[in-house]
N, C-alpha and C. Protein backbone atom coordinates (compact mmCIF):
# COMPACT_ATOMS: atom_id res chain seq x y z
N MET A 1 101.62 100.33 85.77
CA MET A 1 102.37 100.20 85.29
C MET A 1 102.72 99.60 83.70
N ALA A 2 102.28 100.24 83.02
CA ALA A 2 101.89 100.61 81.55
C ALA A 2 102.19 101.40 80.85
N SER A 3 102.15 102.45 81.85
CA SER A 3 102.24 104.43 81.82
C SER A 3 103.91 103.77 81.97
N LYS A 4 104.20 103.56 82.42
CA LYS A 4 106.01 102.97 82.95
C LYS A 4 106.80 102.66 82.25
N ALA A 5 106.25 101.65 80.94
CA ALA A 5 107.00 100.69 80.53
C ALA A 5 106.34 102.27 79.28
N ILE A 6 105.45 102.65 78.68
CA ILE A 6 105.13 103.48 77.78
C ILE A 6 105.57 105.42 77.63
N SER A 7 106.13 104.86 79.24
CA SER A 7 107.21 106.36 79.76
C SER A 7 108.90 106.21 78.92
N THR A 8 109.48 104.42 79.41
CA THR A 8 110.94 104.20 79.81
C THR A 8 110.77 103.91 77.79
N ILE A 9 109.92 103.82 77.12
CA ILE A 9 110.12 103.73 76.10
C ILE A 9 110.32 104.87 75.15
N GLY A 10 109.41 105.59 75.34
CA GLY A 10 109.42 107.22 75.42
C GLY A 10 111.09 107.40 75.56
N LYS A 11 111.36 107.23 76.29
CA LYS A 11 113.04 108.42 76.97
C LYS A 11 113.91 107.64 75.82
N TYR A 12 114.02 106.15 75.33
CA TYR A 12 114.32 105.59 74.69
C TYR A 12 114.29 106.20 72.99
N ALA A 13 113.41 106.75 73.09
CA ALA A 13 113.00 106.98 71.75
C ALA A 13 113.91 108.18 71.23
N ALA A 14 113.03 108.78 72.25
CA ALA A 14 113.62 110.40 72.09
C ALA A 14 115.30 110.44 72.13
N LYS A 15 116.10 109.21 72.79
CA LYS A 15 117.34 109.59 72.40
C LYS A 15 117.63 108.87 70.93
N LYS A 16 116.62 107.91 71.08
CA LYS A 16 117.72 107.39 69.77
C LYS A 16 116.82 108.42 68.29
N ILE A 17 115.67 108.55 68.37
CA ILE A 17 115.36 109.64 67.15
C ILE A 17 115.79 111.52 67.13
N GLY A 18 116.22 111.64 68.67
CA GLY A 18 116.28 113.07 68.02
C GLY A 18 115.62 113.55 69.28
N ASN A 19 114.96 115.07 69.88
CA ASN A 19 114.36 115.74 71.13
C ASN A 19 113.21 115.85 69.73
N LYS A 20 113.71 116.39 68.22
CA LYS A 20 113.06 117.41 67.46
C LYS A 20 111.90 116.57 67.06
N THR A 21 112.91 115.28 66.27
CA THR A 21 111.21 114.63 65.68
C THR A 21 110.64 114.07 66.69
N PHE A 22 111.22 113.53 68.12
CA PHE A 22 109.95 112.82 69.35
C PHE A 22 109.01 113.99 69.11
N ASP A 23 108.73 115.50 68.95
CA ASP A 23 108.74 116.37 69.43
C ASP A 23 107.01 115.73 68.41
N LYS A 24 107.43 116.48 67.37
CA LYS A 24 106.39 116.40 65.97
C LYS A 24 106.32 115.47 66.29
N ALA A 25 105.72 113.96 66.76
CA ALA A 25 105.76 112.67 66.57
C ALA A 25 104.27 113.03 67.58
N ILE A 26 104.86 113.63 69.24
CA ILE A 26 104.12 113.91 69.89
C ILE A 26 102.74 114.66 69.46
N GLN A 27 103.45 115.53 69.09
CA GLN A 27 102.00 116.71 68.30
C GLN A 27 101.33 115.89 67.58
N LYS A 28 101.84 115.17 66.44
CA LYS A 28 100.84 114.55 65.37
C LYS A 28 99.40 114.08 66.14
N ILE A 29 100.39 113.16 67.25
CA ILE A 29 99.78 112.11 68.42
C ILE A 29 98.25 113.15 68.81
N SER A 30 99.04 114.23 69.21
CA SER A 30 97.84 114.63 70.57
C SER A 30 96.36 115.69 69.49
N GLU A 31 97.51 116.14 68.00
CA GLU A 31 96.62 117.39 68.04
C GLU A 31 95.14 117.20 67.85
N PRO A 32 94.55 115.86 66.81
CA PRO A 32 93.02 115.58 67.74
C PRO A 32 92.34 115.76 68.55
N TYR A 33 93.35 115.34 69.54
CA TYR A 33 92.91 115.47 71.17
C TYR A 33 92.68 116.82 71.07
N GLU A 34 93.86 117.67 70.82
CA GLU A 34 93.20 119.21 71.33
C GLU A 34 92.34 119.72 70.60
N ARG A 35 92.00 119.06 69.31
CA ARG A 35 90.76 119.33 68.67
C ARG A 35 89.73 119.48 68.98
N LEU A 36 89.48 118.66 69.81
CA LEU A 36 88.51 117.95 70.61
C LEU A 36 88.13 118.62 72.12
N LYS A 37 89.03 119.46 72.86
CA LYS A 37 89.02 119.53 73.78
C LYS A 37 88.66 121.63 73.52
N ARG A 38 89.23 121.53 72.31
CA ARG A 38 89.08 122.92 71.69
C ARG A 38 87.90 123.37 71.09
N LYS A 39 87.00 122.15 70.62
CA LYS A 39 85.54 121.88 69.92
C LYS A 39 84.92 121.99 71.04
N ALA A 40 84.91 121.03 71.86
CA ALA A 40 84.06 120.76 73.50
C ALA A 40 83.92 122.64 74.09
N PHE A 41 85.19 122.74 73.65
CA PHE A 41 84.21 124.95 75.17
C PHE A 41 84.41 125.87 74.23
N GLY A 42 83.99 125.38 72.83
CA GLY A 42 83.18 126.00 71.61
C GLY A 42 84.67 127.25 71.92
N ILE A 43 86.19 127.07 71.35
CA ILE A 43 86.93 128.00 71.33
C ILE A 43 88.09 127.41 69.76
N LYS A 44 87.57 128.27 69.54
CA LYS A 44 88.11 128.73 67.49
C LYS A 44 89.71 128.23 67.47
N PRO A 45 89.84 128.13 66.14
CA PRO A 45 91.64 128.24 65.90
C PRO A 45 92.25 129.00 66.18
N LEU A 46 93.46 129.48 65.99
CA LEU A 46 93.73 130.95 65.85
C LEU A 46 94.43 131.00 64.29
N ASN A 47 94.06 132.42 63.55
CA ASN A 47 93.69 132.63 62.89
C ASN A 47 94.88 133.09 61.86
N VAL A 48 95.92 133.55 60.54
CA VAL A 48 97.14 132.80 60.49
C VAL A 48 98.35 134.84 61.79
N GLY A 49 97.49 135.71 61.94
CA GLY A 49 98.00 136.87 62.21
C GLY A 49 98.00 137.28 63.19
N GLU A 50 96.99 135.87 63.85
CA GLU A 50 96.93 135.84 65.91
C GLU A 50 98.38 134.40 65.54
N ARG A 51 98.48 133.43 64.85
CA ARG A 51 99.40 132.67 65.08
C ARG A 51 100.87 133.88 65.08
N GLU A 52 101.59 134.82 64.14
CA GLU A 52 102.19 135.25 64.51
C GLU A 52 102.54 135.85 64.99
N THR A 53 101.46 136.70 65.56
CA THR A 53 102.22 137.30 67.04
C THR A 53 102.27 136.42 67.96
N ILE A 54 102.26 135.33 67.92
CA ILE A 54 102.20 134.67 69.00
C ILE A 54 103.86 134.53 69.06
N LYS A 55 104.07 134.19 67.27
CA LYS A 55 105.48 133.63 67.76
C LYS A 55 106.37 135.12 67.47
N CYS A 56 105.93 135.91 67.70
CA CYS A 56 106.18 137.68 67.20
C CYS A 56 107.21 137.89 69.00
N LEU A 57 106.10 137.65 70.14
CA LEU A 57 105.43 137.40 71.22
C LEU A 57 106.22 136.67 72.20
N GLN A 58 107.03 135.15 71.27
CA GLN A 58 107.79 135.34 71.67
C GLN A 58 109.42 135.31 72.05
N ASN A 59 109.74 136.16 71.74
CA ASN A 59 110.74 136.62 71.33
C ASN A 59 110.62 138.12 71.98
N PRO A 60 111.55 138.04 73.87
CA PRO A 60 111.48 138.73 74.17
C PRO A 60 111.59 140.32 74.24
N HIS A 61 112.78 140.25 73.32
CA HIS A 61 113.78 141.38 72.23
C HIS A 61 111.93 142.76 71.17
N ASN A 62 110.89 141.60 71.19
CA ASN A 62 109.97 142.20 70.51
C ASN A 62 109.01 143.22 71.39
N SER A 63 108.84 143.77 71.35
CA SER A 63 107.65 145.04 71.93
C SER A 63 105.63 144.45 71.36
N SER A 64 105.46 144.53 72.05
CA SER A 64 104.08 143.93 71.79
C SER A 64 102.62 144.88 70.72
N SER A 65 103.84 146.12 70.50
CA SER A 65 102.77 146.67 69.29
C SER A 65 103.48 146.23 67.27
N TYR A 66 104.93 146.64 67.80
CA TYR A 66 105.57 146.06 67.17
C TYR A 66 104.85 144.67 66.86
N CYS A 67 104.57 143.47 67.95
CA CYS A 67 104.43 142.38 67.10
C CYS A 67 102.71 142.07 66.09
N LYS A 68 102.00 143.13 66.83
CA LYS A 68 100.46 143.49 67.35
C LYS A 68 100.74 144.23 65.54
N SER A 69 101.02 144.99 64.33
CA SER A 69 101.85 144.95 63.57
C SER A 69 102.55 143.93 62.33
N VAL A 70 102.98 143.47 62.70
CA VAL A 70 103.41 141.97 62.63
C VAL A 70 101.89 140.76 61.69
N GLY A 71 102.03 140.35 63.26
CA GLY A 71 100.51 139.91 62.55
C GLY A 71 99.14 141.11 61.88
N ASN A 72 99.44 141.78 62.30
CA ASN A 72 97.96 142.18 61.23
C ASN A 72 98.57 142.72 59.46
N THR A 73 100.19 141.97 59.45
CA THR A 73 100.54 142.82 58.08
C THR A 73 99.90 140.55 56.94
N VAL A 74 100.97 140.41 58.61
CA VAL A 74 100.51 138.53 57.62
C VAL A 74 98.85 138.33 57.38
N ARG A 75 98.09 139.15 58.38
CA ARG A 75 96.61 138.77 58.22
C ARG A 75 95.98 139.34 56.43
N LYS A 76 96.36 140.39 57.52
CA LYS A 76 96.39 141.49 55.49
C LYS A 76 96.77 140.66 54.50
N THR A 77 98.20 140.43 53.93
CA THR A 77 98.69 139.30 52.29
C THR A 77 97.80 137.97 52.79
N TYR A 78 97.59 137.37 54.34
CA TYR A 78 97.32 136.17 53.95
C TYR A 78 95.96 136.58 53.06
N HIS A 79 94.75 137.16 53.57
CA HIS A 79 93.33 137.90 53.51
C HIS A 79 93.45 138.31 51.99
N LYS A 80 94.37 139.02 50.80
CA LYS A 80 95.28 139.42 50.22
C LYS A 80 95.01 138.68 48.42
N THR A 81 96.15 137.84 49.19
CA THR A 81 96.65 136.68 48.13
C THR A 81 96.61 135.00 48.55
N GLY A 82 95.84 134.66 49.79
CA GLY A 82 95.64 133.09 49.68
C GLY A 82 96.83 132.93 50.32
N LYS A 83 98.15 133.00 50.58
CA LYS A 83 99.12 132.78 50.76
C LYS A 83 99.97 133.21 51.57
N TYR A 84 101.05 132.39 52.57
CA TYR A 84 101.29 132.64 53.77
C TYR A 84 102.49 132.18 53.26
N LYS A 85 102.90 133.91 53.88
CA LYS A 85 103.99 134.52 53.86
C LYS A 85 104.60 134.40 52.44
């Protein structure tokens, strides 16, 4: 019963404040649990290059070799300057 009420409130809140803001709120709430799950399974967080490679691969027009080069470039830049992009 409680989960149904929460989902109803969540749907109403999503309509009221916009899906993007609602998604960000959900992400913030679930972030500590995701960290705990990763820690429990020994999964290390992604580095800068891996994150950029994954973002690049989400575009179906990009090839895997291109995305790898994008990730490597970002990783090297971050390593040299300490700045992300």
